[in-house]
Amino acid sequence: MNTCQKEDLKRLMEIDFSLLEMNLFLDTHPNDKDAIELHNSLTQKCMHLRYNYVCKYGPLSNEDMSPCPYQYISSPWPWEINFSRR
């Protein structure tokens, strides 16, 4: 996995984590307009980043499967990636 791919995956994981946190916040603050706007913005950003990642590097999960499903196992699994090493 090259440095650019690691950076792209790390950014996507950060946005995914932020979205999860926003979902939890909105569970207890469903009428917070700023939080809803942030959630919607993060959702759009996540969809865009995920689409770009899948187009460049291949699927991240079974929902992203390409016409060639074996491509999914040709790279390291997310837990096998060492982000501290470049």
PDB file of N, CA and C in Angstrom:
ATOM      1  N   MET A   1       0.858  -1.164   0.000  1.00  0.00           N
ATOM      2  CA  MET A   1       0.000   0.000   0.000  1.00  0.00           C
ATOM      3  C   MET A   1       0.906   1.230   0.000  1.00  0.00           C
ATOM      4  N   ASN A   2       0.715   2.104  -0.977  1.00  0.00           N
ATOM      5  CA  ASN A   2       1.575   3.282  -1.066  1.00  0.00           C
ATOM      6  C   ASN A   2       1.115   4.390  -0.120  1.00  0.00           C
ATOM      7  N   THR A   3       1.930   5.407   0.003  1.00  0.00           N
ATOM      8  CA  THR A   3       1.671   6.503   0.940  1.00  0.00           C
ATOM      9  C   THR A   3       0.375   7.237   0.621  1.00  0.00           C
ATOM     10  N   CYS A   4       0.115   7.498  -0.651  1.00  0.00           N
ATOM     11  CA  CYS A   4      -1.117   8.203  -1.037  1.00  0.00           C
ATOM     12  C   CYS A   4      -2.353   7.400  -0.637  1.00  0.00           C
ATOM     13  N   GLN A   5      -2.300   6.092  -0.867  1.00  0.00           N
ATOM     14  CA  GLN A   5      -3.437   5.248  -0.507  1.00  0.00           C
ATOM     15  C   GLN A   5      -3.651   5.244   1.007  1.00  0.00           C
ATOM     16  N   LYS A   6      -2.563   5.180   1.770  1.00  0.00           N
ATOM     17  CA  LYS A   6      -2.675   5.231   3.232  1.00  0.00           C
ATOM     18  C   LYS A   6      -3.299   6.544   3.685  1.00  0.00           C
ATOM     19  N   GLU A   7      -2.841   7.648   3.098  1.00  0.00           N
ATOM     20  CA  GLU A   7      -3.381   8.965   3.462  1.00  0.00           C
ATOM     21  C   GLU A   7      -4.872   9.048   3.143  1.00  0.00           C
ATOM     22  N   ASP A   8      -5.258   8.560   1.964  1.00  0.00           N
ATOM     23  CA  ASP A   8      -6.670   8.588   1.569  1.00  0.00           C
ATOM     24  C   ASP A   8      -7.516   7.737   2.510  1.00  0.00           C
ATOM     25  N   LEU A   9      -7.023   6.551   2.853  1.00  0.00           N
ATOM     26  CA  LEU A   9      -7.761   5.668   3.756  1.00  0.00           C
ATOM     27  C   LEU A   9      -7.849   6.269   5.159  1.00  0.00           C
ATOM     28  N   LYS A  10      -6.770   6.845   5.618  1.00  0.00           N
ATOM     29  CA  LYS A  10      -6.770   7.462   6.945  1.00  0.00           C
ATOM     30  C   LYS A  10      -7.786   8.607   7.009  1.00  0.00           C
ATOM     31  N   ARG A  11      -7.837   9.421   5.972  1.00  0.00           N
ATOM     32  CA  ARG A  11      -8.800  10.537   5.933  1.00  0.00           C
ATOM     33  C   ARG A  11     -10.235  10.000   5.939  1.00  0.00           C
ATOM     34  N   LEU A  12     -10.474   8.956   5.169  1.00  0.00           N
ATOM     35  CA  LEU A  12     -11.801   8.356   5.134  1.00  0.00           C
ATOM     36  C   LEU A  12     -12.180   7.788   6.498  1.00  0.00           C
ATOM     37  N   MET A  13     -11.235   7.157   7.165  1.00  0.00           N
ATOM     38  CA  MET A  13     -11.495   6.611   8.498  1.00  0.00           C
ATOM     39  C   MET A  13     -11.780   7.725   9.503  1.00  0.00           C
ATOM     40  N   GLU A  14     -11.092   8.847   9.378  1.00  0.00           N
ATOM     41  CA  GLU A  14     -11.338   9.987  10.267  1.00  0.00           C
ATOM     42  C   GLU A  14     -12.757  10.529  10.076  1.00  0.00           C
ATOM     43  N   ILE A  15     -13.171  10.656   8.829  1.00  0.00           N
ATOM     44  CA  ILE A  15     -14.520  11.160   8.551  1.00  0.00           C
ATOM     45  C   ILE A  15     -15.564  10.160   9.044  1.00  0.00           C
ATOM     46  N   ASP A  16     -15.333   8.869   8.823  1.00  0.00           N
ATOM     47  CA  ASP A  16     -16.249   7.840   9.322  1.00  0.00           C
ATOM     48  C   ASP A  16     -16.399   7.927  10.838  1.00  0.00           C
ATOM     49  N   PHE A  17     -15.277   8.112  11.535  1.00  0.00           N
ATOM     50  CA  PHE A  17     -15.320   8.233  12.990  1.00  0.00           C
ATOM     51  C   PHE A  17     -16.113   9.477  13.403  1.00  0.00           C
ATOM     52  N   SER A  18     -15.871  10.586  12.727  1.00  0.00           N
ATOM     53  CA  SER A  18     -16.599  11.823  13.030  1.00  0.00           C
ATOM     54  C   SER A  18     -18.094  11.647  12.808  1.00  0.00           C
ATOM     55  N   LEU A  19     -18.457  10.951  11.755  1.00  0.00           N
ATOM     56  CA  LEU A  19     -19.875  10.690  11.490  1.00  0.00           C
ATOM     57  C   LEU A  19     -20.501   9.845  12.590  1.00  0.00           C
ATOM     58  N   LEU A  20     -19.781   8.856  13.052  1.00  0.00           N
ATOM     59  CA  LEU A  20     -20.280   8.023  14.142  1.00  0.00           C
ATOM     60  C   LEU A  20     -20.517   8.871  15.394  1.00  0.00           C
ATOM     61  N   GLU A  21     -19.569   9.734  15.701  1.00  0.00           N
ATOM     62  CA  GLU A  21     -19.719  10.620  16.861  1.00  0.00           C
ATOM     63  C   GLU A  21     -20.909  11.568  16.690  1.00  0.00           C
ATOM     64  N   MET A  22     -21.089  12.076  15.484  1.00  0.00           N
ATOM     65  CA  MET A  22     -22.229  12.969  15.234  1.00  0.00           C
ATOM     66  C   MET A  22     -23.548  12.214  15.380  1.00  0.00           C
ATOM     67  N   ASN A  23     -23.580  10.968  14.928  1.00  0.00           N
ATOM     68  CA  ASN A  23     -24.794  10.161  15.100  1.00  0.00           C
ATOM     69  C   ASN A  23     -25.129   9.997  16.581  1.00  0.00           C
ATOM     70  N   LEU A  24     -24.113   9.706  17.385  1.00  0.00           N
ATOM     71  CA  LEU A  24     -24.341   9.553  18.822  1.00  0.00           C
ATOM     72  C   LEU A  24     -24.810  10.860  19.447  1.00  0.00           C
ATOM     73  N   PHE A  25     -24.208  11.963  19.046  1.00  0.00           N
ATOM     74  CA  PHE A  25     -24.620  13.269  19.573  1.00  0.00           C
ATOM     75  C   PHE A  25     -26.070  13.567  19.191  1.00  0.00           C
ATOM     76  N   LEU A  26     -26.410  13.295  17.936  1.00  0.00           N
ATOM     77  CA  LEU A  26     -27.770  13.591  17.473  1.00  0.00           C
ATOM     78  C   LEU A  26     -28.815  12.683  18.113  1.00  0.00           C
ATOM     79  N   ASP A  27     -28.392  11.537  18.630  1.00  0.00           N
ATOM     80  CA  ASP A  27     -29.329  10.685  19.366  1.00  0.00           C
ATOM     81  C   ASP A  27     -29.869  11.411  20.596  1.00  0.00           C
ATOM     82  N   THR A  28     -29.036  12.243  21.208  1.00  0.00           N
ATOM     83  CA  THR A  28     -29.445  12.954  22.426  1.00  0.00           C
ATOM     84  C   THR A  28     -29.766  14.420  22.173  1.00  0.00           C
ATOM     85  N   HIS A  29     -29.443  14.930  20.982  1.00  0.00           N
ATOM     86  CA  HIS A  29     -29.708  16.324  20.637  1.00  0.00           C
ATOM     87  C   HIS A  29     -30.317  16.400  19.229  1.00  0.00           C
ATOM     88  N   PRO A  30     -31.479  15.793  19.029  1.00  0.00           N
ATOM     89  CA  PRO A  30     -32.032  15.658  17.679  1.00  0.00           C
ATOM     90  C   PRO A  30     -32.445  16.978  17.016  1.00  0.00           C
ATOM     91  N   ASN A  31     -32.566  18.034  17.795  1.00  0.00           N
ATOM     92  CA  ASN A  31     -33.006  19.318  17.224  1.00  0.00           C
ATOM     93  C   ASN A  31     -31.881  20.330  17.074  1.00  0.00           C
ATOM     94  N   ASP A  32     -30.653  19.925  17.279  1.00  0.00           N
ATOM     95  CA  ASP A  32     -29.505  20.825  17.164  1.00  0.00           C
ATOM     96  C   ASP A  32     -29.197  21.060  15.679  1.00  0.00           C
ATOM     97  N   LYS A  33     -29.596  22.240  15.203  1.00  0.00           N
ATOM     98  CA  LYS A  33     -29.461  22.546  13.771  1.00  0.00           C
ATOM     99  C   LYS A  33     -28.007  22.551  13.306  1.00  0.00           C
ATOM    100  N   ASP A  34     -27.097  23.058  14.130  1.00  0.00           N
ATOM    101  CA  ASP A  34     -25.678  23.063  13.752  1.00  0.00           C
ATOM    102  C   ASP A  34     -25.131  21.641  13.627  1.00  0.00           C
ATOM    103  N   ALA A  35     -25.537  20.794  14.546  1.00  0.00           N
ATOM    104  CA  ALA A  35     -25.086  19.403  14.503  1.00  0.00           C
ATOM    105  C   ALA A  35     -25.652  18.686  13.274  1.00  0.00           C
ATOM    106  N   ILE A  36     -26.892  18.976  12.944  1.00  0.00           N
ATOM    107  CA  ILE A  36     -27.500  18.367  11.756  1.00  0.00           C
ATOM    108  C   ILE A  36     -26.769  18.827  10.498  1.00  0.00           C
ATOM    109  N   GLU A  37     -26.455  20.115  10.426  1.00  0.00           N
ATOM    110  CA  GLU A  37     -25.705  20.633   9.272  1.00  0.00           C
ATOM    111  C   GLU A  37     -24.330  19.973   9.173  1.00  0.00           C
ATOM    112  N   LEU A  38     -23.632  19.853  10.301  1.00  0.00           N
ATOM    113  CA  LEU A  38     -22.325  19.212  10.310  1.00  0.00           C
ATOM    114  C   LEU A  38     -22.443  17.749   9.890  1.00  0.00           C
ATOM    115  N   HIS A  39     -23.439  17.063  10.420  1.00  0.00           N
ATOM    116  CA  HIS A  39     -23.664  15.665  10.048  1.00  0.00           C
ATOM    117  C   HIS A  39     -23.882  15.536   8.542  1.00  0.00           C
ATOM    118  N   ASN A  40     -24.735  16.391   7.986  1.00  0.00           N
ATOM    119  CA  ASN A  40     -25.016  16.324   6.552  1.00  0.00           C
ATOM    120  C   ASN A  40     -23.779  16.643   5.724  1.00  0.00           C
ATOM    121  N   SER A  41     -22.989  17.595   6.181  1.00  0.00           N
ATOM    122  CA  SER A  41     -21.750  17.941   5.484  1.00  0.00           C
ATOM    123  C   SER A  41     -20.755  16.778   5.527  1.00  0.00           C
ATOM    124  N   LEU A  42     -20.611  16.173   6.685  1.00  0.00           N
ATOM    125  CA  LEU A  42     -19.711  15.024   6.823  1.00  0.00           C
ATOM    126  C   LEU A  42     -20.179  13.836   5.989  1.00  0.00           C
ATOM    127  N   THR A  43     -21.491  13.651   5.909  1.00  0.00           N
ATOM    128  CA  THR A  43     -22.039  12.565   5.102  1.00  0.00           C
ATOM    129  C   THR A  43     -21.664  12.751   3.644  1.00  0.00           C
ATOM    130  N   GLN A  44     -21.819  13.968   3.145  1.00  0.00           N
ATOM    131  CA  GLN A  44     -21.459  14.250   1.749  1.00  0.00           C
ATOM    132  C   GLN A  44     -19.963  14.039   1.519  1.00  0.00           C
ATOM    133  N   LYS A  45     -19.161  14.540   2.444  1.00  0.00           N
ATOM    134  CA  LYS A  45     -17.710  14.387   2.329  1.00  0.00           C
ATOM    135  C   LYS A  45     -17.319  12.912   2.361  1.00  0.00           C
ATOM    136  N   CYS A  46     -17.943  12.142   3.245  1.00  0.00           N
ATOM    137  CA  CYS A  46     -17.641  10.714   3.360  1.00  0.00           C
ATOM    138  C   CYS A  46     -18.004   9.982   2.074  1.00  0.00           C
ATOM    139  N   MET A  47     -19.170  10.279   1.526  1.00  0.00           N
ATOM    140  CA  MET A  47     -19.592   9.631   0.285  1.00  0.00           C
ATOM    141  C   MET A  47     -18.618   9.946  -0.848  1.00  0.00           C
ATOM    142  N   HIS A  48     -18.185  11.193  -0.924  1.00  0.00           N
ATOM    143  CA  HIS A  48     -17.247  11.621  -1.959  1.00  0.00           C
ATOM    144  C   HIS A  48     -15.889  10.926  -1.784  1.00  0.00           C
ATOM    145  N   LEU A  49     -15.354  10.936  -0.564  1.00  0.00           N
ATOM    146  CA  LEU A  49     -14.068  10.299  -0.306  1.00  0.00           C
ATOM    147  C   LEU A  49     -14.117   8.796  -0.566  1.00  0.00           C
ATOM    148  N   ARG A  50     -15.196   8.166  -0.141  1.00  0.00           N
ATOM    149  CA  ARG A  50     -15.332   6.722  -0.333  1.00  0.00           C
ATOM    150  C   ARG A  50     -15.408   6.385  -1.820  1.00  0.00           C
ATOM    151  N   TYR A  51     -16.212   7.147  -2.563  1.00  0.00           N
ATOM    152  CA  TYR A  51     -16.331   6.916  -4.002  1.00  0.00           C
ATOM    153  C   TYR A  51     -14.965   7.046  -4.682  1.00  0.00           C
ATOM    154  N   ASN A  52     -14.251   8.120  -4.353  1.00  0.00           N
ATOM    155  CA  ASN A  52     -12.930   8.336  -4.953  1.00  0.00           C
ATOM    156  C   ASN A  52     -11.952   7.226  -4.566  1.00  0.00           C
ATOM    157  N   TYR A  53     -11.990   6.812  -3.308  1.00  0.00           N
ATOM    158  CA  TYR A  53     -11.085   5.746  -2.852  1.00  0.00           C
ATOM    159  C   TYR A  53     -11.375   4.448  -3.614  1.00  0.00           C
ATOM    160  N   VAL A  54     -12.634   4.070  -3.694  1.00  0.00           N
ATOM    161  CA  VAL A  54     -13.012   2.821  -4.363  1.00  0.00           C
ATOM    162  C   VAL A  54     -12.637   2.873  -5.845  1.00  0.00           C
ATOM    163  N   CYS A  55     -12.824   4.020  -6.474  1.00  0.00           N
ATOM    164  CA  CYS A  55     -12.453   4.151  -7.887  1.00  0.00           C
ATOM    165  C   CYS A  55     -10.946   4.012  -8.088  1.00  0.00           C
ATOM    166  N   LYS A  56     -10.156   4.556  -7.162  1.00  0.00           N
ATOM    167  CA  LYS A  56      -8.695   4.522  -7.302  1.00  0.00           C
ATOM    168  C   LYS A  56      -8.079   3.200  -6.867  1.00  0.00           C
ATOM    169  N   TYR A  57      -8.572   2.631  -5.761  1.00  0.00           N
ATOM    170  CA  TYR A  57      -7.874   1.510  -5.131  1.00  0.00           C
ATOM    171  C   TYR A  57      -8.670   0.210  -5.057  1.00  0.00           C
ATOM    172  N   GLY A  58      -9.944   0.265  -5.329  1.00  0.00           N
ATOM    173  CA  GLY A  58     -10.766  -0.934  -5.238  1.00  0.00           C
ATOM    174  C   GLY A  58     -11.676  -0.896  -4.018  1.00  0.00           C
ATOM    175  N   PRO A  59     -12.491  -1.918  -3.863  1.00  0.00           N
ATOM    176  CA  PRO A  59     -13.516  -1.924  -2.815  1.00  0.00           C
ATOM    177  C   PRO A  59     -12.954  -1.974  -1.398  1.00  0.00           C
ATOM    178  N   LEU A  60     -13.691  -1.341  -0.501  1.00  0.00           N
ATOM    179  CA  LEU A  60     -13.363  -1.368   0.922  1.00  0.00           C
ATOM    180  C   LEU A  60     -14.178  -2.426   1.660  1.00  0.00           C
ATOM    181  N   SER A  61     -15.322  -2.753   1.124  1.00  0.00           N
ATOM    182  CA  SER A  61     -16.202  -3.732   1.759  1.00  0.00           C
ATOM    183  C   SER A  61     -16.997  -4.450   0.675  1.00  0.00           C
ATOM    184  N   ASN A  62     -17.812  -5.406   1.097  1.00  0.00           N
ATOM    185  CA  ASN A  62     -18.584  -6.149   0.109  1.00  0.00           C
ATOM    186  C   ASN A  62     -19.597  -5.263  -0.621  1.00  0.00           C
ATOM    187  N   GLU A  63     -20.007  -4.158  -0.033  1.00  0.00           N
ATOM    188  CA  GLU A  63     -20.921  -3.246  -0.715  1.00  0.00           C
ATOM    189  C   GLU A  63     -20.252  -2.551  -1.900  1.00  0.00           C
ATOM    190  N   ASP A  64     -18.946  -2.498  -1.906  1.00  0.00           N
ATOM    191  CA  ASP A  64     -18.195  -1.822  -2.958  1.00  0.00           C
ATOM    192  C   ASP A  64     -17.654  -2.789  -4.007  1.00  0.00           C
ATOM    193  N   MET A  65     -18.098  -4.025  -3.973  1.00  0.00           N
ATOM    194  CA  MET A  65     -17.511  -5.041  -4.833  1.00  0.00           C
ATOM    195  C   MET A  65     -17.522  -4.623  -6.293  1.00  0.00           C
ATOM    196  N   SER A  66     -16.425  -4.872  -6.931  1.00  0.00           N
ATOM    197  CA  SER A  66     -16.261  -4.572  -8.345  1.00  0.00           C
ATOM    198  C   SER A  66     -16.655  -5.802  -9.157  1.00  0.00           C
ATOM    199  N   PRO A  67     -16.649  -5.700 -10.496  1.00  0.00           N
ATOM    200  CA  PRO A  67     -16.923  -6.878 -11.310  1.00  0.00           C
ATOM    201  C   PRO A  67     -15.909  -7.998 -11.075  1.00  0.00           C
ATOM    202  N   CYS A  68     -14.781  -7.652 -10.497  1.00  0.00           N
ATOM    203  CA  CYS A  68     -13.750  -8.660 -10.204  1.00  0.00           C
ATOM    204  C   CYS A  68     -13.640  -8.789  -8.692  1.00  0.00           C
ATOM    205  N   PRO A  69     -14.449  -9.659  -8.050  1.00  0.00           N
ATOM    206  CA  PRO A  69     -14.460  -9.727  -6.588  1.00  0.00           C
ATOM    207  C   PRO A  69     -13.132 -10.102  -5.953  1.00  0.00           C
ATOM    208  N   TYR A  70     -12.244 -10.759  -6.676  1.00  0.00           N
ATOM    209  CA  TYR A  70     -10.981 -11.149  -6.067  1.00  0.00           C
ATOM    210  C   TYR A  70     -10.078  -9.961  -5.821  1.00  0.00           C
ATOM    211  N   GLN A  71     -10.394  -8.828  -6.402  1.00  0.00           N
ATOM    212  CA  GLN A  71      -9.621  -7.611  -6.155  1.00  0.00           C
ATOM    213  C   GLN A  71      -9.693  -7.238  -4.664  1.00  0.00           C
ATOM    214  N   TYR A  72     -10.779  -7.590  -4.023  1.00  0.00           N
ATOM    215  CA  TYR A  72     -10.989  -7.238  -2.625  1.00  0.00           C
ATOM    216  C   TYR A  72      -9.901  -7.802  -1.713  1.00  0.00           C
ATOM    217  N   ILE A  73      -9.401  -8.979  -2.021  1.00  0.00           N
ATOM    218  CA  ILE A  73      -8.415  -9.603  -1.138  1.00  0.00           C
ATOM    219  C   ILE A  73      -6.984  -9.429  -1.632  1.00  0.00           C
ATOM    220  N   SER A  74      -6.775  -8.576  -2.628  1.00  0.00           N
ATOM    221  CA  SER A  74      -5.423  -8.412  -3.163  1.00  0.00           C
ATOM    222  C   SER A  74      -4.601  -7.369  -2.412  1.00  0.00           C
ATOM    223  N   SER A  75      -5.197  -6.693  -1.452  1.00  0.00           N
ATOM    224  CA  SER A  75      -4.456  -5.699  -0.674  1.00  0.00           C
ATOM    225  C   SER A  75      -4.667  -5.984   0.808  1.00  0.00           C
ATOM    226  N   PRO A  76      -3.907  -5.316   1.686  1.00  0.00           N
ATOM    227  CA  PRO A  76      -4.043  -5.601   3.120  1.00  0.00           C
ATOM    228  C   PRO A  76      -5.437  -5.249   3.649  1.00  0.00           C
ATOM    229  N   TRP A  77      -5.853  -5.991   4.647  1.00  0.00           N
ATOM    230  CA  TRP A  77      -7.090  -5.661   5.340  1.00  0.00           C
ATOM    231  C   TRP A  77      -6.848  -4.386   6.153  1.00  0.00           C
ATOM    232  N   PRO A  78      -7.899  -3.626   6.463  1.00  0.00           N
ATOM    233  CA  PRO A  78      -7.688  -2.374   7.209  1.00  0.00           C
ATOM    234  C   PRO A  78      -6.903  -2.544   8.499  1.00  0.00           C
ATOM    235  N   TRP A  79      -7.078  -3.643   9.220  1.00  0.00           N
ATOM    236  CA  TRP A  79      -6.363  -3.835  10.491  1.00  0.00           C
ATOM    237  C   TRP A  79      -4.916  -4.273  10.282  1.00  0.00           C
ATOM    238  N   GLU A  80      -4.546  -4.567   9.042  1.00  0.00           N
ATOM    239  CA  GLU A  80      -3.168  -4.953   8.746  1.00  0.00           C
ATOM    240  C   GLU A  80      -2.297  -3.769   8.326  1.00  0.00           C
ATOM    241  N   ILE A  81      -2.876  -2.599   8.216  1.00  0.00           N
ATOM    242  CA  ILE A  81      -2.151  -1.426   7.737  1.00  0.00           C
ATOM    243  C   ILE A  81      -1.452  -0.743   8.901  1.00  0.00           C
ATOM    244  N   ASN A  82      -0.182  -0.465   8.739  1.00  0.00           N
ATOM    245  CA  ASN A  82       0.589   0.243   9.738  1.00  0.00           C
ATOM    246  C   ASN A  82       0.652   1.709   9.313  1.00  0.00           C
ATOM    247  N   PHE A  83      -0.188   2.560   9.897  1.00  0.00           N
ATOM    248  CA  PHE A  83      -0.244   3.964   9.505  1.00  0.00           C
ATOM    249  C   PHE A  83       0.971   4.750   9.991  1.00  0.00           C
ATOM    250  N   SER A  84       1.666   4.250  10.979  1.00  0.00           N
ATOM    251  CA  SER A  84       2.820   4.991  11.507  1.00  0.00           C
ATOM    252  C   SER A  84       4.051   4.829  10.621  1.00  0.00           C
ATOM    253  N   ARG A  85       4.072   3.819   9.793  1.00  0.00           N
ATOM    254  CA  ARG A  85       5.210   3.570   8.904  1.00  0.00           C
ATOM    255  C   ARG A  85       4.902   4.143   7.533  1.00  0.00           C
ATOM    256  N   ARG A  86       5.843   4.844   6.941  1.00  0.00           N
ATOM    257  CA  ARG A  86       5.636   5.421   5.600  1.00  0.00           C
ATOM    258  C   ARG A  86       6.496   4.757   4.598  1.00  0.00           C
TER     259      ARG A  86
END
